[in-house]
Amino acid sequence: MTLVRKTLYKTFLYALLWLPNIFYSALFAITFPVYKALHKKRAYGRVEKHLAAAKEYKARERYDTNKMPHNEKSPPPNAIAKINARDTFRGIYWNALESYRGLARFKSVEKRIVYENEHIIQGAVAECAKQNAPIAAISIHQGAFELLHRALCRYSEHVHLITDSVGDIAFRDVLKELRSDPHLTEYHPDETGRLIRELFRTKGILAMVVDQGKHTKGNTVSLFGRPSTLYLRLPQKINEMGAGIVTFRTWSEKKRIVIRFESYYPPQYDVTHKPPHINPSPLSAPTSGTHTNSGENRANATIDNSPLVTGIAREVETWIAEHPEQWSWNYHGNFIR
């Protein structure tokens, strides 16, 4: 029975992926107003609230000489001011379609993928190989992010990926087959111990998106002046154990799907970069306007000031600000609800 369901799921999924874009344009135009009406107080409402707060933050933000520079090919820093909630849901919708078509190895998607700053991941792999150590490559749910783990198979024969359970066994098998690559090994979230052992044994690459998490504790960071969570405990742990960390991201354009490598954090980064003394930084959520606090513990959250977490949080904020219409603002764990 499981085999029959798997065959049906696979046939149905591939049939959907082959439907023309005009079908998906019409589908979005019809279904989005219904979705919006049903989720005004849930996902859609969260996006409106988060965007309003981010726009307010960016509007009053002064130019900071320590701010990360914007690449010439990226949208200007006021991109958040130009979008609305519908834009973000449309971005998620089309990027999901491109992700699954890419995983299914559609040539129309694969030929649009371009890689930037490959010297960063190549240099990190070479440096860590000298130290007999692995790497964690981390990103966020932005753009066609489902393509990221397979992209890492260009640089290592041992890529390790944690995936969560979705649907029944047959459907999970279909998704696993869709994501599969000869150099990729998947792990359940409960297999973290085995993953770490295999990662250091194979000297491979751990692939992670760190802006969403289930049943795990994260690191409180500041994004757009508000407390949010990045799930960096596992990267922190293996970095302390000797692994390097590479940050990378993706976004979609009309003619390109860009996968860009951004930064390299050497092993034991917190040890070698930590100032003599750091005081915890409490960050309270705004108490006026459209974004009030409904979680006392998170409103008075203490920001994680480790150099590694702080550096990654700065990068993540920049990525979101440059392509806000392609980030998952609707995730329930973002910011203060």
Protein backbone atom coordinates (compact mmCIF):
# COMPACT_ATOMS: atom_id res chain seq x y z
CA MET A 1 0.00 0.00 0.00
CA THR A 2 2.86 2.40 0.81
CA LEU A 3 4.41 1.73 -2.63
CA VAL A 4 1.10 2.46 -4.34
CA ARG A 5 0.69 5.75 -2.46
CA LYS A 6 4.27 6.69 -3.25
CA THR A 7 3.70 6.10 -6.96
CA LEU A 8 0.51 8.17 -6.88
CA TYR A 9 2.18 11.01 -4.97
CA LYS A 10 5.15 11.04 -7.33
CA THR A 11 2.98 11.01 -10.46
CA PHE A 12 0.76 13.78 -9.13
CA LEU A 13 3.71 15.93 -8.02
CA TYR A 14 5.52 15.71 -11.35
CA ALA A 15 2.30 16.39 -13.23
CA LEU A 16 1.86 19.59 -11.19
CA LEU A 17 5.44 20.68 -11.81
CA TRP A 18 5.00 20.35 -15.58
CA LEU A 19 1.97 22.63 -15.66
CA PRO A 20 2.74 25.97 -17.40
CA ASN A 21 3.42 29.16 -15.48
CA ILE A 22 0.22 30.72 -16.79
CA PHE A 23 -1.70 28.12 -14.78
CA TYR A 24 0.16 29.06 -11.60
CA SER A 25 -0.34 32.77 -12.23
CA ALA A 26 -4.08 32.23 -12.51
CA LEU A 27 -4.08 29.95 -9.47
CA PHE A 28 -2.33 32.56 -7.32
CA ALA A 29 -4.69 35.32 -8.50
CA ILE A 30 -7.71 33.22 -7.51
CA THR A 31 -6.53 31.65 -4.26
CA PHE A 32 -4.54 34.46 -2.65
CA PRO A 33 -7.56 36.69 -1.81
CA VAL A 34 -9.18 33.67 -0.13
CA TYR A 35 -5.99 32.89 1.79
CA LYS A 36 -5.66 36.52 2.85
CA ALA A 37 -9.24 36.62 4.16
CA LEU A 38 -8.78 33.40 6.14
CA HIS A 39 -5.39 34.36 7.62
CA LYS A 40 -5.86 38.02 8.51
CA LYS A 41 -5.20 37.25 12.16
CA ARG A 42 -2.59 34.58 11.47
CA ALA A 43 0.10 34.34 8.77
CA TYR A 44 -1.02 37.30 6.66
CA GLY A 45 -1.49 39.46 9.73
CA ARG A 46 1.98 38.54 11.00
CA VAL A 47 3.55 39.58 7.70
CA GLU A 48 1.77 42.95 7.72
CA LYS A 49 2.91 43.57 11.30
CA HIS A 50 6.52 42.51 10.71
CA LEU A 51 6.82 44.53 7.51
CA ALA A 52 5.40 47.64 9.19
CA ALA A 53 7.93 47.35 12.01
CA ALA A 54 10.83 46.76 9.61
CA LYS A 55 9.82 49.73 7.46
CA GLU A 56 9.68 51.93 10.55
CA TYR A 57 13.10 50.71 11.66
CA LYS A 58 14.70 51.26 8.26
CA ALA A 59 13.11 54.71 7.96
CA ARG A 60 14.74 55.95 11.17
CA GLU A 61 18.00 54.12 10.74
CA ARG A 62 20.97 56.37 10.15
CA TYR A 63 23.79 55.47 7.88
CA ASP A 64 26.26 53.31 9.79
CA THR A 65 29.87 53.25 8.63
CA ASN A 66 30.22 49.70 9.94
CA LYS A 67 27.25 48.49 7.93
CA MET A 68 27.95 45.73 5.45
CA PRO A 69 28.26 47.12 1.90
CA HIS A 70 25.51 46.41 -0.62
CA ASN A 71 26.54 44.59 -3.76
CA GLU A 72 25.97 46.50 -6.99
CA LYS A 73 23.67 43.78 -8.35
CA SER A 74 21.44 43.76 -5.26
CA PRO A 75 18.33 45.94 -4.82
CA PRO A 76 18.85 49.23 -2.95
CA PRO A 77 18.64 49.25 0.86
CA ASN A 78 15.13 50.78 0.83
CA ALA A 79 13.68 47.65 -0.83
CA ILE A 80 11.52 46.94 2.24
CA ALA A 81 9.70 50.26 1.82
CA LYS A 82 8.61 49.25 -1.68
CA ILE A 83 6.90 45.95 -0.91
CA ASN A 84 3.71 44.79 0.77
CA ALA A 85 2.49 41.52 2.27
CA ARG A 86 1.16 40.28 -1.06
CA ASP A 87 4.62 40.64 -2.59
CA THR A 88 6.13 38.37 0.05
CA PHE A 89 3.52 35.64 -0.42
CA ARG A 90 3.95 35.84 -4.18
CA GLY A 91 7.71 35.50 -3.70
CA ILE A 92 7.31 32.43 -1.48
CA TYR A 93 4.86 30.92 -3.95
CA TRP A 94 7.05 31.27 -7.06
CA ASN A 95 10.27 30.38 -5.28
CA ALA A 96 8.70 27.18 -3.95
CA LEU A 97 7.71 26.23 -7.50
CA GLU A 98 11.21 26.97 -8.78
CA SER A 99 12.73 25.03 -5.89
CA TYR A 100 10.84 21.84 -6.66
CA ARG A 101 11.34 22.16 -10.40
CA GLY A 102 15.03 22.59 -9.72
CA LEU A 103 15.13 19.56 -7.45
CA ALA A 104 13.35 17.63 -10.21
CA ARG A 105 16.23 18.76 -12.47
CA PHE A 106 14.16 20.80 -14.88
CA LYS A 107 16.63 22.22 -17.43
CA SER A 108 14.68 25.50 -17.52
CA VAL A 109 15.66 26.05 -13.87
CA GLU A 110 19.14 24.52 -13.84
CA LYS A 111 20.39 26.69 -16.70
CA ARG A 112 19.40 29.84 -14.77
CA ILE A 113 21.49 29.01 -11.67
CA VAL A 114 24.64 31.08 -11.31
CA TYR A 115 27.24 30.86 -8.55
CA GLU A 116 29.01 33.87 -7.06
CA ASN A 117 32.02 34.04 -4.74
CA GLU A 118 32.78 30.32 -5.08
CA HIS A 119 36.31 31.04 -3.89
CA ILE A 120 34.89 31.45 -0.36
CA ILE A 121 33.52 27.90 -0.08
CA GLN A 122 36.45 26.45 -2.02
CA GLY A 123 38.96 28.21 0.22
CA ALA A 124 37.08 27.14 3.36
CA VAL A 125 37.01 23.51 2.24
CA ALA A 126 40.74 23.61 1.49
CA GLU A 127 41.64 25.28 4.79
CA CYS A 128 39.52 22.94 6.91
CA ALA A 129 40.91 19.93 5.02
CA LYS A 130 44.37 20.93 6.24
CA GLN A 131 43.03 20.82 9.79
CA ASN A 132 41.16 17.56 9.17
CA ALA A 133 37.88 19.37 9.95
CA PRO A 134 34.40 19.68 8.36
CA ILE A 135 32.30 22.75 7.48
CA ALA A 136 28.81 24.00 8.22
CA ALA A 137 27.21 25.92 5.34
CA ILE A 138 24.28 27.96 6.66
CA SER A 139 21.57 30.02 5.04
CA ILE A 140 17.94 31.14 5.53
CA HIS A 141 14.50 30.50 4.01
CA GLN A 142 14.87 33.01 1.22
CA GLY A 143 14.58 32.58 -2.53
CA ALA A 144 14.60 29.04 -3.94
CA PHE A 145 16.34 27.79 -0.79
CA GLU A 146 15.54 24.12 -1.44
CA LEU A 147 18.27 24.20 -4.09
CA LEU A 148 21.00 25.14 -1.64
CA HIS A 149 21.84 21.74 -0.17
CA ARG A 150 22.32 20.19 -3.60
CA ALA A 151 24.52 23.10 -4.63
CA LEU A 152 26.92 22.12 -1.84
CA CYS A 153 27.45 18.74 -3.51
CA ARG A 154 29.63 20.64 -6.01
CA TYR A 155 32.21 21.08 -3.25
CA SER A 156 32.10 17.88 -1.21
CA GLU A 157 31.27 14.21 -1.64
CA HIS A 158 29.73 14.19 1.84
CA VAL A 159 26.92 16.69 2.43
CA HIS A 160 24.79 16.16 5.55
CA LEU A 161 21.25 17.55 5.79
CA ILE A 162 18.72 17.57 8.64
CA THR A 163 15.14 17.27 7.40
CA ASP A 164 11.89 17.30 9.34
CA SER A 165 9.01 14.84 8.92
CA VAL A 166 6.30 16.03 6.52
CA GLY A 167 3.19 14.04 5.63
CA ASP A 168 2.95 10.25 5.71
CA ILE A 169 5.77 7.79 5.01
CA ALA A 170 5.02 7.54 1.29
CA PHE A 171 5.04 11.31 0.78
CA ARG A 172 8.26 11.67 2.78
CA ASP A 173 9.87 9.07 0.56
CA VAL A 174 8.84 11.02 -2.55
CA LEU A 175 10.35 14.24 -1.15
CA LYS A 176 13.52 12.42 -0.12
CA GLU A 177 13.88 10.99 -3.62
CA LEU A 178 13.30 14.45 -5.10
CA ARG A 179 16.03 15.99 -2.89
CA SER A 180 18.42 13.08 -3.37
CA ASP A 181 21.98 13.30 -4.66
CA PRO A 182 24.74 10.67 -4.59
CA HIS A 183 26.70 12.93 -2.23
CA LEU A 184 23.81 13.80 0.12
CA THR A 185 22.82 12.08 3.38
CA GLU A 186 19.63 13.05 5.23
CA TYR A 187 19.05 12.88 8.99
CA HIS A 188 16.01 13.19 11.20
CA PRO A 189 16.22 15.98 13.85
CA ASP A 190 16.51 13.28 16.52
CA GLU A 191 19.73 12.01 14.90
CA THR A 192 21.86 15.04 15.71
CA GLY A 193 24.43 12.95 17.58
CA ARG A 194 24.91 10.58 14.65
CA LEU A 195 25.06 13.53 12.25
CA ILE A 196 27.90 15.17 14.21
CA ARG A 197 29.85 11.90 14.33
CA GLU A 198 29.44 11.33 10.59
CA LEU A 199 30.21 14.96 9.78
CA PHE A 200 33.58 14.81 11.54
CA ARG A 201 34.31 11.30 10.28
CA THR A 202 33.72 12.23 6.62
CA LYS A 203 35.08 15.80 6.92
CA GLY A 204 32.04 16.87 4.91
CA ILE A 205 29.62 19.80 4.85
CA LEU A 206 26.61 20.29 7.12
CA ALA A 207 23.80 22.08 5.23
CA MET A 208 21.43 24.17 7.40
CA VAL A 209 18.87 26.94 7.20
CA VAL A 210 18.92 28.69 10.55
CA ASP A 211 15.94 31.09 10.63
CA GLN A 212 13.29 28.46 11.46
CA GLY A 213 13.25 25.57 13.90
CA LYS A 214 10.98 23.10 15.65
CA HIS A 215 11.33 21.57 19.11
CA THR A 216 14.74 23.17 19.65
CA LYS A 217 16.19 26.19 21.38
CA GLY A 218 17.68 29.00 19.36
CA ASN A 219 19.79 32.11 19.86
CA THR A 220 18.04 35.43 20.50
CA VAL A 221 19.30 38.06 18.07
CA SER A 222 18.30 41.54 16.96
CA LEU A 223 16.74 41.82 13.50
CA PHE A 224 15.48 45.25 12.45
CA GLY A 225 15.68 46.40 16.06
CA ARG A 226 13.46 43.60 17.39
CA PRO A 227 14.25 40.34 19.17
CA SER A 228 14.07 37.33 16.90
CA THR A 229 15.56 33.84 16.86
CA LEU A 230 18.23 32.19 14.76
CA TYR A 231 18.89 28.51 15.36
CA LEU A 232 22.66 28.56 15.59
CA ARG A 233 23.33 26.24 18.51
CA LEU A 234 24.39 23.32 16.31
CA PRO A 235 26.72 25.45 14.11
CA GLN A 236 28.13 27.00 17.30
CA LYS A 237 28.76 23.58 18.80
CA ILE A 238 30.58 22.12 15.82
CA ASN A 239 32.52 25.38 15.36
CA GLU A 240 33.77 24.98 18.93
CA MET A 241 34.70 21.39 18.03
CA GLY A 242 36.83 22.57 15.11
CA ALA A 243 34.50 23.02 12.11
CA GLY A 244 34.53 26.12 9.92
CA ILE A 245 31.33 27.94 8.96
CA VAL A 246 30.40 29.40 5.58
CA THR A 247 27.36 31.62 5.07
CA PHE A 248 25.56 31.64 1.74
CA ARG A 249 22.21 32.60 0.28
CA THR A 250 20.06 32.57 -2.83
CA TRP A 251 17.56 34.85 -4.53
CA SER A 252 15.69 34.76 -7.82
CA GLU A 253 15.72 37.24 -10.66
CA LYS A 254 13.91 37.11 -14.00
CA LYS A 255 16.77 35.43 -15.82
CA ARG A 256 18.91 34.15 -12.95
CA ILE A 257 18.78 32.19 -9.73
CA VAL A 258 21.78 33.47 -7.80
CA ILE A 259 23.58 31.34 -5.23
CA ARG A 260 26.18 33.50 -3.51
CA PHE A 261 28.70 32.55 -0.85
CA GLU A 262 29.22 35.38 1.61
CA SER A 263 31.57 34.80 4.56
CA TYR A 264 33.86 32.30 6.22
CA TYR A 265 34.11 31.92 10.00
CA PRO A 266 37.20 29.85 10.97
CA PRO A 267 37.05 27.10 13.63
CA GLN A 268 36.59 28.25 17.24
CA TYR A 269 35.61 31.70 16.04
CA ASP A 270 34.19 32.82 19.39
CA VAL A 271 37.41 31.92 21.18
CA THR A 272 39.67 33.83 18.81
CA HIS A 273 37.41 36.87 18.33
CA LYS A 274 35.77 37.37 21.71
CA PRO A 275 36.44 40.75 23.37
CA PRO A 276 37.78 40.74 26.97
CA HIS A 277 34.26 41.17 28.43
CA ILE A 278 30.73 41.29 27.01
CA ASN A 279 27.67 42.28 29.00
CA PRO A 280 24.39 40.64 27.99
CA SER A 281 22.18 43.01 26.02
CA PRO A 282 18.49 42.99 26.95
CA LEU A 283 16.30 44.01 24.03
CA SER A 284 12.68 44.89 24.59
CA ALA A 285 10.05 44.75 21.89
CA PRO A 286 8.35 48.01 20.89
CA THR A 287 5.26 48.64 22.98
CA SER A 288 3.42 51.01 20.68
CA GLY A 289 2.23 51.09 17.10
CA THR A 290 1.27 47.96 15.21
CA HIS A 291 3.66 45.57 16.95
CA THR A 292 2.86 44.96 20.59
CA ASN A 293 4.26 42.16 22.72
CA SER A 294 2.31 39.02 23.49
CA GLY A 295 5.21 37.00 24.95
CA GLU A 296 6.68 38.38 28.16
CA ASN A 297 9.70 36.11 28.09
CA ARG A 298 10.68 37.09 24.54
CA ALA A 299 9.95 40.78 25.01
CA ASN A 300 12.66 40.88 27.68
CA ALA A 301 14.96 38.54 25.77
CA THR A 302 18.72 38.71 26.24
CA ILE A 303 20.57 39.09 22.97
CA ASP A 304 23.29 36.53 22.27
CA ASN A 305 26.43 38.66 21.97
CA SER A 306 28.85 35.97 20.85
CA PRO A 307 30.95 37.20 17.89
CA LEU A 308 29.80 34.29 15.74
CA VAL A 309 26.08 34.81 16.38
CA THR A 310 26.36 38.59 16.09
CA GLY A 311 28.20 38.38 12.78
CA ILE A 312 25.71 35.95 11.27
CA ALA A 313 22.74 37.99 12.52
CA ARG A 314 24.13 41.09 10.80
CA GLU A 315 24.45 39.15 7.56
CA VAL A 316 20.93 37.75 7.81
CA GLU A 317 19.44 41.21 8.36
CA THR A 318 21.29 42.51 5.30
CA TRP A 319 20.07 39.60 3.16
CA ILE A 320 16.47 40.17 4.19
CA ALA A 321 16.73 43.93 3.63
CA GLU A 322 18.09 43.43 0.11
CA HIS A 323 15.46 40.90 -0.98
CA PRO A 324 12.57 41.27 1.49
CA GLU A 325 9.97 40.00 -0.96
CA GLN A 326 11.69 36.59 -1.01
CA TRP A 327 12.00 35.91 2.73
CA SER A 328 9.50 33.93 4.81
CA TRP A 329 8.15 36.77 6.96
CA ASN A 330 5.10 34.61 7.70
CA TYR A 331 6.93 32.09 9.91
CA HIS A 332 5.25 32.13 13.34
CA GLY A 333 8.55 32.19 15.24
CA ASN A 334 9.84 35.42 13.70
CA PHE A 335 10.07 38.42 16.03
CA ILE A 336 7.60 39.09 18.84
CA ARG A 337 4.11 37.91 18.09
